[in-house]
Amino acid sequence: MLMQTIEEPHAAQLPPQAERLLKALQAPRGVWRTRSDIAATLGKNRLNPGDTAMLEMLAAQGVIEVQRVTDATPIGYRWEYRSK
């Protein structure tokens, strides 16, 4: 009889960049995090366009949640993310 390990459904399908982003969001599970927070966790000054595209992909797959929050910055809003 062969034993199989059960992994999370997304674990084998995500590119390394998406895995890093997901791990950054899972550290404080359930906490909403800004792009700046995520970048700092990854040791970056800010997220690059590839990172934000990966966040969009993770949200589209239902792995993470995303919300747009109104704020007082010149742009008028910020994006926040959290793992499910």
PDB file of N, CA and C in Angstrom:
ATOM      1  N   MET A   1       0.847  -1.171   0.000  1.00  0.00           N
ATOM      2  CA  MET A   1       0.000   0.000   0.000  1.00  0.00           C
ATOM      3  C   MET A   1       0.896   1.238   0.000  1.00  0.00           C
ATOM      4  N   LEU A   2       0.650   2.158  -0.933  1.00  0.00           N
ATOM      5  CA  LEU A   2       1.430   3.373  -1.036  1.00  0.00           C
ATOM      6  C   LEU A   2       0.824   4.466  -0.159  1.00  0.00           C
ATOM      7  N   MET A   3       1.676   5.196   0.509  1.00  0.00           N
ATOM      8  CA  MET A   3       1.220   6.313   1.333  1.00  0.00           C
ATOM      9  C   MET A   3       1.392   7.599   0.539  1.00  0.00           C
ATOM     10  N   GLN A   4       0.390   8.433   0.547  1.00  0.00           N
ATOM     11  CA  GLN A   4       0.469   9.712  -0.137  1.00  0.00           C
ATOM     12  C   GLN A   4       0.414  10.821   0.892  1.00  0.00           C
ATOM     13  N   THR A   5       1.184  11.854   0.629  1.00  0.00           N
ATOM     14  CA  THR A   5       1.084  13.023   1.497  1.00  0.00           C
ATOM     15  C   THR A   5       0.046  13.961   0.909  1.00  0.00           C
ATOM     16  N   ILE A   6      -0.735  14.536   1.764  1.00  0.00           N
ATOM     17  CA  ILE A   6      -1.765  15.469   1.321  1.00  0.00           C
ATOM     18  C   ILE A   6      -1.243  16.875   1.542  1.00  0.00           C
ATOM     19  N   GLU A   7      -1.206  17.634   0.466  1.00  0.00           N
ATOM     20  CA  GLU A   7      -0.751  19.009   0.540  1.00  0.00           C
ATOM     21  C   GLU A   7      -1.929  19.926   0.296  1.00  0.00           C
ATOM     22  N   GLU A   8      -1.753  21.185   0.649  1.00  0.00           N
ATOM     23  CA  GLU A   8      -2.785  22.151   0.345  1.00  0.00           C
ATOM     24  C   GLU A   8      -2.956  22.187  -1.168  1.00  0.00           C
ATOM     25  N   PRO A   9      -4.179  22.385  -1.672  1.00  0.00           N
ATOM     26  CA  PRO A   9      -4.426  22.312  -3.099  1.00  0.00           C
ATOM     27  C   PRO A   9      -3.592  23.274  -3.935  1.00  0.00           C
ATOM     28  N   HIS A  10      -3.271  24.445  -3.423  1.00  0.00           N
ATOM     29  CA  HIS A  10      -2.531  25.419  -4.203  1.00  0.00           C
ATOM     30  C   HIS A  10      -1.024  25.237  -4.121  1.00  0.00           C
ATOM     31  N   ALA A  11      -0.536  24.454  -3.184  1.00  0.00           N
ATOM     32  CA  ALA A  11       0.897  24.371  -2.910  1.00  0.00           C
ATOM     33  C   ALA A  11       1.714  23.951  -4.127  1.00  0.00           C
ATOM     34  N   ALA A  12       1.286  22.978  -4.871  1.00  0.00           N
ATOM     35  CA  ALA A  12       2.065  22.472  -5.993  1.00  0.00           C
ATOM     36  C   ALA A  12       1.851  23.289  -7.255  1.00  0.00           C
ATOM     37  N   GLN A  13       0.850  24.146  -7.285  1.00  0.00           N
ATOM     38  CA  GLN A  13       0.496  24.853  -8.503  1.00  0.00           C
ATOM     39  C   GLN A  13       1.024  26.280  -8.579  1.00  0.00           C
ATOM     40  N   LEU A  14       1.483  26.837  -7.485  1.00  0.00           N
ATOM     41  CA  LEU A  14       1.887  28.237  -7.468  1.00  0.00           C
ATOM     42  C   LEU A  14       3.351  28.417  -7.834  1.00  0.00           C
ATOM     43  N   PRO A  15       3.648  29.476  -8.594  1.00  0.00           N
ATOM     44  CA  PRO A  15       5.042  29.801  -8.859  1.00  0.00           C
ATOM     45  C   PRO A  15       5.732  30.259  -7.567  1.00  0.00           C
ATOM     46  N   PRO A  16       7.059  30.176  -7.512  1.00  0.00           N
ATOM     47  CA  PRO A  16       7.786  30.557  -6.297  1.00  0.00           C
ATOM     48  C   PRO A  16       7.463  31.972  -5.806  1.00  0.00           C
ATOM     49  N   GLN A  17       7.313  32.913  -6.714  1.00  0.00           N
ATOM     50  CA  GLN A  17       6.996  34.289  -6.331  1.00  0.00           C
ATOM     51  C   GLN A  17       5.651  34.356  -5.605  1.00  0.00           C
ATOM     52  N   ALA A  18       4.665  33.629  -6.092  1.00  0.00           N
ATOM     53  CA  ALA A  18       3.350  33.599  -5.446  1.00  0.00           C
ATOM     54  C   ALA A  18       3.434  32.918  -4.085  1.00  0.00           C
ATOM     55  N   GLU A  19       4.238  31.870  -3.970  1.00  0.00           N
ATOM     56  CA  GLU A  19       4.419  31.185  -2.685  1.00  0.00           C
ATOM     57  C   GLU A  19       5.008  32.125  -1.631  1.00  0.00           C
ATOM     58  N   ARG A  20       6.000  32.929  -2.038  1.00  0.00           N
ATOM     59  CA  ARG A  20       6.608  33.889  -1.103  1.00  0.00           C
ATOM     60  C   ARG A  20       5.572  34.902  -0.625  1.00  0.00           C
ATOM     61  N   LEU A  21       4.756  35.401  -1.541  1.00  0.00           N
ATOM     62  CA  LEU A  21       3.719  36.365  -1.172  1.00  0.00           C
ATOM     63  C   LEU A  21       2.698  35.735  -0.234  1.00  0.00           C
ATOM     64  N   LEU A  22       2.303  34.517  -0.534  1.00  0.00           N
ATOM     65  CA  LEU A  22       1.330  33.829   0.309  1.00  0.00           C
ATOM     66  C   LEU A  22       1.889  33.602   1.711  1.00  0.00           C
ATOM     67  N   LYS A  23       3.144  33.206   1.806  1.00  0.00           N
ATOM     68  CA  LYS A  23       3.762  33.002   3.122  1.00  0.00           C
ATOM     69  C   LYS A  23       3.847  34.311   3.897  1.00  0.00           C
ATOM     70  N   ALA A  24       4.110  35.408   3.197  1.00  0.00           N
ATOM     71  CA  ALA A  24       4.154  36.718   3.860  1.00  0.00           C
ATOM     72  C   ALA A  24       2.787  37.081   4.429  1.00  0.00           C
ATOM     73  N   LEU A  25       1.725  36.664   3.755  1.00  0.00           N
ATOM     74  CA  LEU A  25       0.374  36.942   4.234  1.00  0.00           C
ATOM     75  C   LEU A  25      -0.073  35.970   5.315  1.00  0.00           C
ATOM     76  N   GLN A  26       0.484  34.793   5.341  1.00  0.00           N
ATOM     77  CA  GLN A  26       0.064  33.788   6.314  1.00  0.00           C
ATOM     78  C   GLN A  26       0.701  33.994   7.686  1.00  0.00           C
ATOM     79  N   ALA A  27       1.825  34.704   7.731  1.00  0.00           N
ATOM     80  CA  ALA A  27       2.512  34.905   9.017  1.00  0.00           C
ATOM     81  C   ALA A  27       1.571  35.481  10.074  1.00  0.00           C
ATOM     82  N   PRO A  28       0.907  36.603   9.808  1.00  0.00           N
ATOM     83  CA  PRO A  28      -0.097  37.077  10.770  1.00  0.00           C
ATOM     84  C   PRO A  28      -1.481  36.677  10.281  1.00  0.00           C
ATOM     85  N   ARG A  29      -1.823  35.432  10.367  1.00  0.00           N
ATOM     86  CA  ARG A  29      -3.051  34.879   9.771  1.00  0.00           C
ATOM     87  C   ARG A  29      -4.293  35.699  10.129  1.00  0.00           C
ATOM     88  N   GLY A  30      -5.046  36.042   9.092  1.00  0.00           N
ATOM     89  CA  GLY A  30      -6.299  36.759   9.282  1.00  0.00           C
ATOM     90  C   GLY A  30      -6.156  38.264   9.416  1.00  0.00           C
ATOM     91  N   VAL A  31      -4.919  38.783   9.417  1.00  0.00           N
ATOM     92  CA  VAL A  31      -4.683  40.213   9.570  1.00  0.00           C
ATOM     93  C   VAL A  31      -4.609  40.856   8.182  1.00  0.00           C
ATOM     94  N   TRP A  32      -5.322  41.958   7.991  1.00  0.00           N
ATOM     95  CA  TRP A  32      -5.244  42.693   6.732  1.00  0.00           C
ATOM     96  C   TRP A  32      -3.901  43.386   6.649  1.00  0.00           C
ATOM     97  N   ARG A  33      -3.218  43.255   5.506  1.00  0.00           N
ATOM     98  CA  ARG A  33      -1.886  43.831   5.317  1.00  0.00           C
ATOM     99  C   ARG A  33      -1.852  44.664   4.047  1.00  0.00           C
ATOM    100  N   THR A  34      -1.184  45.802   4.120  1.00  0.00           N
ATOM    101  CA  THR A  34      -1.027  46.661   2.948  1.00  0.00           C
ATOM    102  C   THR A  34       0.107  46.141   2.074  1.00  0.00           C
ATOM    103  N   ARG A  35       0.212  46.694   0.885  1.00  0.00           N
ATOM    104  CA  ARG A  35       1.311  46.315  -0.001  1.00  0.00           C
ATOM    105  C   ARG A  35       2.656  46.665   0.639  1.00  0.00           C
ATOM    106  N   SER A  36       2.709  47.789   1.340  1.00  0.00           N
ATOM    107  CA  SER A  36       3.951  48.181   2.023  1.00  0.00           C
ATOM    108  C   SER A  36       4.327  47.173   3.100  1.00  0.00           C
ATOM    109  N   ASP A  37       3.343  46.704   3.847  1.00  0.00           N
ATOM    110  CA  ASP A  37       3.594  45.688   4.879  1.00  0.00           C
ATOM    111  C   ASP A  37       4.155  44.409   4.258  1.00  0.00           C
ATOM    112  N   ILE A  38       3.535  43.991   3.171  1.00  0.00           N
ATOM    113  CA  ILE A  38       3.962  42.755   2.495  1.00  0.00           C
ATOM    114  C   ILE A  38       5.391  42.922   1.973  1.00  0.00           C
ATOM    115  N   ALA A  39       5.666  44.077   1.337  1.00  0.00           N
ATOM    116  CA  ALA A  39       7.007  44.331   0.811  1.00  0.00           C
ATOM    117  C   ALA A  39       8.045  44.292   1.931  1.00  0.00           C
ATOM    118  N   ALA A  40       7.739  44.916   3.063  1.00  0.00           N
ATOM    119  CA  ALA A  40       8.675  44.922   4.194  1.00  0.00           C
ATOM    120  C   ALA A  40       8.946  43.508   4.690  1.00  0.00           C
ATOM    121  N   THR A  41       7.914  42.670   4.742  1.00  0.00           N
ATOM    122  CA  THR A  41       8.086  41.279   5.164  1.00  0.00           C
ATOM    123  C   THR A  41       9.022  40.534   4.215  1.00  0.00           C
ATOM    124  N   LEU A  42       8.966  40.889   2.937  1.00  0.00           N
ATOM    125  CA  LEU A  42       9.813  40.248   1.933  1.00  0.00           C
ATOM    126  C   LEU A  42      11.192  40.898   1.817  1.00  0.00           C
ATOM    127  N   GLY A  43      11.449  41.940   2.628  1.00  0.00           N
ATOM    128  CA  GLY A  43      12.733  42.621   2.577  1.00  0.00           C
ATOM    129  C   GLY A  43      12.874  43.575   1.406  1.00  0.00           C
ATOM    130  N   LYS A  44      11.752  44.086   0.902  1.00  0.00           N
ATOM    131  CA  LYS A  44      11.755  45.010  -0.234  1.00  0.00           C
ATOM    132  C   LYS A  44      11.247  46.370   0.216  1.00  0.00           C
ATOM    133  N   ASN A  45      11.562  47.398  -0.583  1.00  0.00           N
ATOM    134  CA  ASN A  45      11.019  48.730  -0.323  1.00  0.00           C
ATOM    135  C   ASN A  45       9.569  48.824  -0.783  1.00  0.00           C
ATOM    136  N   ARG A  46       9.257  48.159  -1.891  1.00  0.00           N
ATOM    137  CA  ARG A  46       7.889  48.137  -2.405  1.00  0.00           C
ATOM    138  C   ARG A  46       7.715  46.927  -3.317  1.00  0.00           C
ATOM    139  N   LEU A  47       6.463  46.577  -3.576  1.00  0.00           N
ATOM    140  CA  LEU A  47       6.181  45.457  -4.463  1.00  0.00           C
ATOM    141  C   LEU A  47       6.327  45.904  -5.913  1.00  0.00           C
ATOM    142  N   ASN A  48       6.815  45.011  -6.756  1.00  0.00           N
ATOM    143  CA  ASN A  48       6.930  45.319  -8.179  1.00  0.00           C
ATOM    144  C   ASN A  48       5.643  44.883  -8.898  1.00  0.00           C
ATOM    145  N   PRO A  49       5.477  45.254 -10.162  1.00  0.00           N
ATOM    146  CA  PRO A  49       4.259  44.888 -10.884  1.00  0.00           C
ATOM    147  C   PRO A  49       4.005  43.375 -10.945  1.00  0.00           C
ATOM    148  N   GLY A  50       5.059  42.592 -10.974  1.00  0.00           N
ATOM    149  CA  GLY A  50       4.896  41.134 -10.965  1.00  0.00           C
ATOM    150  C   GLY A  50       4.304  40.645  -9.654  1.00  0.00           C
ATOM    151  N   ASP A  51       4.738  41.263  -8.553  1.00  0.00           N
ATOM    152  CA  ASP A  51       4.191  40.909  -7.237  1.00  0.00           C
ATOM    153  C   ASP A  51       2.699  41.231  -7.161  1.00  0.00           C
ATOM    154  N   THR A  52       2.324  42.413  -7.623  1.00  0.00           N
ATOM    155  CA  THR A  52       0.906  42.789  -7.556  1.00  0.00           C
ATOM    156  C   THR A  52       0.062  41.910  -8.476  1.00  0.00           C
ATOM    157  N   ALA A  53       0.626  41.511  -9.607  1.00  0.00           N
ATOM    158  CA  ALA A  53      -0.088  40.582 -10.498  1.00  0.00           C
ATOM    159  C   ALA A  53      -0.288  39.234  -9.807  1.00  0.00           C
ATOM    160  N   MET A  54       0.720  38.781  -9.062  1.00  0.00           N
ATOM    161  CA  MET A  54       0.597  37.518  -8.332  1.00  0.00           C
ATOM    162  C   MET A  54      -0.453  37.625  -7.230  1.00  0.00           C
ATOM    163  N   LEU A  55      -0.522  38.775  -6.561  1.00  0.00           N
ATOM    164  CA  LEU A  55      -1.559  38.974  -5.548  1.00  0.00           C
ATOM    165  C   LEU A  55      -2.947  38.900  -6.182  1.00  0.00           C
ATOM    166  N   GLU A  56      -3.092  39.498  -7.365  1.00  0.00           N
ATOM    167  CA  GLU A  56      -4.368  39.431  -8.084  1.00  0.00           C
ATOM    168  C   GLU A  56      -4.710  37.988  -8.452  1.00  0.00           C
ATOM    169  N   MET A  57      -3.703  37.226  -8.872  1.00  0.00           N
ATOM    170  CA  MET A  57      -3.918  35.822  -9.226  1.00  0.00           C
ATOM    171  C   MET A  57      -4.354  35.019  -8.001  1.00  0.00           C
ATOM    172  N   LEU A  58      -3.682  35.241  -6.864  1.00  0.00           N
ATOM    173  CA  LEU A  58      -4.043  34.534  -5.633  1.00  0.00           C
ATOM    174  C   LEU A  58      -5.469  34.869  -5.210  1.00  0.00           C
ATOM    175  N   ALA A  59      -5.856  36.127  -5.370  1.00  0.00           N
ATOM    176  CA  ALA A  59      -7.228  36.534  -5.033  1.00  0.00           C
ATOM    177  C   ALA A  59      -8.227  35.888  -5.990  1.00  0.00           C
ATOM    178  N   ALA A  60      -7.903  35.843  -7.277  1.00  0.00           N
ATOM    179  CA  ALA A  60      -8.795  35.231  -8.265  1.00  0.00           C
ATOM    180  C   ALA A  60      -8.980  33.739  -8.003  1.00  0.00           C
ATOM    181  N   GLN A  61      -7.941  33.091  -7.487  1.00  0.00           N
ATOM    182  CA  GLN A  61      -8.025  31.664  -7.161  1.00  0.00           C
ATOM    183  C   GLN A  61      -8.733  31.424  -5.830  1.00  0.00           C
ATOM    184  N   GLY A  62      -9.001  32.493  -5.089  1.00  0.00           N
ATOM    185  CA  GLY A  62      -9.670  32.354  -3.800  1.00  0.00           C
ATOM    186  C   GLY A  62      -8.749  31.961  -2.660  1.00  0.00           C
ATOM    187  N   VAL A  63      -7.445  32.097  -2.862  1.00  0.00           N
ATOM    188  CA  VAL A  63      -6.473  31.731  -1.834  1.00  0.00           C
ATOM    189  C   VAL A  63      -6.342  32.851  -0.798  1.00  0.00           C
ATOM    190  N   ILE A  64      -6.465  34.104  -1.252  1.00  0.00           N
ATOM    191  CA  ILE A  64      -6.396  35.261  -0.366  1.00  0.00           C
ATOM    192  C   ILE A  64      -7.610  36.152  -0.599  1.00  0.00           C
ATOM    193  N   GLU A  65      -7.810  37.090   0.327  1.00  0.00           N
ATOM    194  CA  GLU A  65      -8.861  38.089   0.179  1.00  0.00           C
ATOM    195  C   GLU A  65      -8.214  39.441  -0.076  1.00  0.00           C
ATOM    196  N   VAL A  66      -8.901  40.303  -0.820  1.00  0.00           N
ATOM    197  CA  VAL A  66      -8.401  41.641  -1.112  1.00  0.00           C
ATOM    198  C   VAL A  66      -9.533  42.639  -0.897  1.00  0.00           C
ATOM    199  N   GLN A  67      -9.160  43.812  -0.386  1.00  0.00           N
ATOM    200  CA  GLN A  67     -10.152  44.869  -0.226  1.00  0.00           C
ATOM    201  C   GLN A  67      -9.512  46.215  -0.545  1.00  0.00           C
ATOM    202  N   ARG A  68     -10.330  47.116  -1.066  1.00  0.00           N
ATOM    203  CA  ARG A  68      -9.885  48.478  -1.346  1.00  0.00           C
ATOM    204  C   ARG A  68     -10.406  49.363  -0.220  1.00  0.00           C
ATOM    205  N   VAL A  69      -9.494  50.074   0.436  1.00  0.00           N
ATOM    206  CA  VAL A  69      -9.830  50.891   1.595  1.00  0.00           C
ATOM    207  C   VAL A  69      -9.591  52.364   1.253  1.00  0.00           C
ATOM    208  N   THR A  70     -10.599  53.196   1.486  1.00  0.00           N
ATOM    209  CA  THR A  70     -10.466  54.635   1.263  1.00  0.00           C
ATOM    210  C   THR A  70      -9.564  55.229   2.344  1.00  0.00           C
ATOM    211  N   ASP A  71      -8.639  56.113   1.919  1.00  0.00           N
ATOM    212  CA  ASP A  71      -7.765  56.774   2.884  1.00  0.00           C
ATOM    213  C   ASP A  71      -7.501  58.213   2.443  1.00  0.00           C
ATOM    214  N   ALA A  72      -6.676  58.929   3.198  1.00  0.00           N
ATOM    215  CA  ALA A  72      -6.432  60.353   2.951  1.00  0.00           C
ATOM    216  C   ALA A  72      -5.228  60.627   2.042  1.00  0.00           C
ATOM    217  N   THR A  73      -4.681  59.620   1.413  1.00  0.00           N
ATOM    218  CA  THR A  73      -3.542  59.819   0.523  1.00  0.00           C
ATOM    219  C   THR A  73      -4.005  60.503  -0.764  1.00  0.00           C
ATOM    220  N   PRO A  74      -3.067  61.047  -1.551  1.00  0.00           N
ATOM    221  CA  PRO A  74      -3.464  61.709  -2.804  1.00  0.00           C
ATOM    222  C   PRO A  74      -4.248  60.799  -3.762  1.00  0.00           C
ATOM    223  N   ILE A  75      -3.925  59.519  -3.782  1.00  0.00           N
ATOM    224  CA  ILE A  75      -4.651  58.595  -4.660  1.00  0.00           C
ATOM    225  C   ILE A  75      -6.049  58.282  -4.109  1.00  0.00           C
ATOM    226  N   GLY A  76      -6.217  58.386  -2.798  1.00  0.00           N
ATOM    227  CA  GLY A  76      -7.533  58.233  -2.179  1.00  0.00           C
ATOM    228  C   GLY A  76      -7.913  56.848  -1.694  1.00  0.00           C
ATOM    229  N   TYR A  77      -7.046  55.849  -1.914  1.00  0.00           N
ATOM    230  CA  TYR A  77      -7.330  54.488  -1.450  1.00  0.00           C
ATOM    231  C   TYR A  77      -6.044  53.676  -1.355  1.00  0.00           C
ATOM    232  N   ARG A  78      -6.160  52.514  -0.712  1.00  0.00           N
ATOM    233  CA  ARG A  78      -5.052  51.556  -0.648  1.00  0.00           C
ATOM    234  C   ARG A  78      -5.641  50.149  -0.749  1.00  0.00           C
ATOM    235  N   TRP A  79      -4.822  49.216  -1.166  1.00  0.00           N
ATOM    236  CA  TRP A  79      -5.231  47.815  -1.239  1.00  0.00           C
ATOM    237  C   TRP A  79      -4.726  47.088  -0.017  1.00  0.00           C
ATOM    238  N   GLU A  80      -5.554  46.221   0.538  1.00  0.00           N
ATOM    239  CA  GLU A  80      -5.161  45.391   1.669  1.00  0.00           C
ATOM    240  C   GLU A  80      -5.481  43.934   1.353  1.00  0.00           C
ATOM    241  N   TYR A  81      -4.642  43.049   1.884  1.00  0.00           N
ATOM    242  CA  TYR A  81      -4.739  41.617   1.594  1.00  0.00           C
ATOM    243  C   TYR A  81      -4.654  40.817   2.871  1.00  0.00           C
ATOM    244  N   ARG A  82      -5.253  39.625   2.865  1.00  0.00           N
ATOM    245  CA  ARG A  82      -5.077  38.680   3.968  1.00  0.00           C
ATOM    246  C   ARG A  82      -5.287  37.267   3.438  1.00  0.00           C
ATOM    247  N   SER A  83      -4.642  36.325   4.110  1.00  0.00           N
ATOM    248  CA  SER A  83      -4.824  34.922   3.719  1.00  0.00           C
ATOM    249  C   SER A  83      -6.119  34.409   4.305  1.00  0.00           C
ATOM    250  N   LYS A  84      -6.651  33.393   3.679  1.00  0.00           N
ATOM    251  CA  LYS A  84      -7.904  32.789   4.155  1.00  0.00           C
ATOM    252  C   LYS A  84      -7.609  31.684   5.129  1.00  0.00           C
TER     253      LYS A  84
END
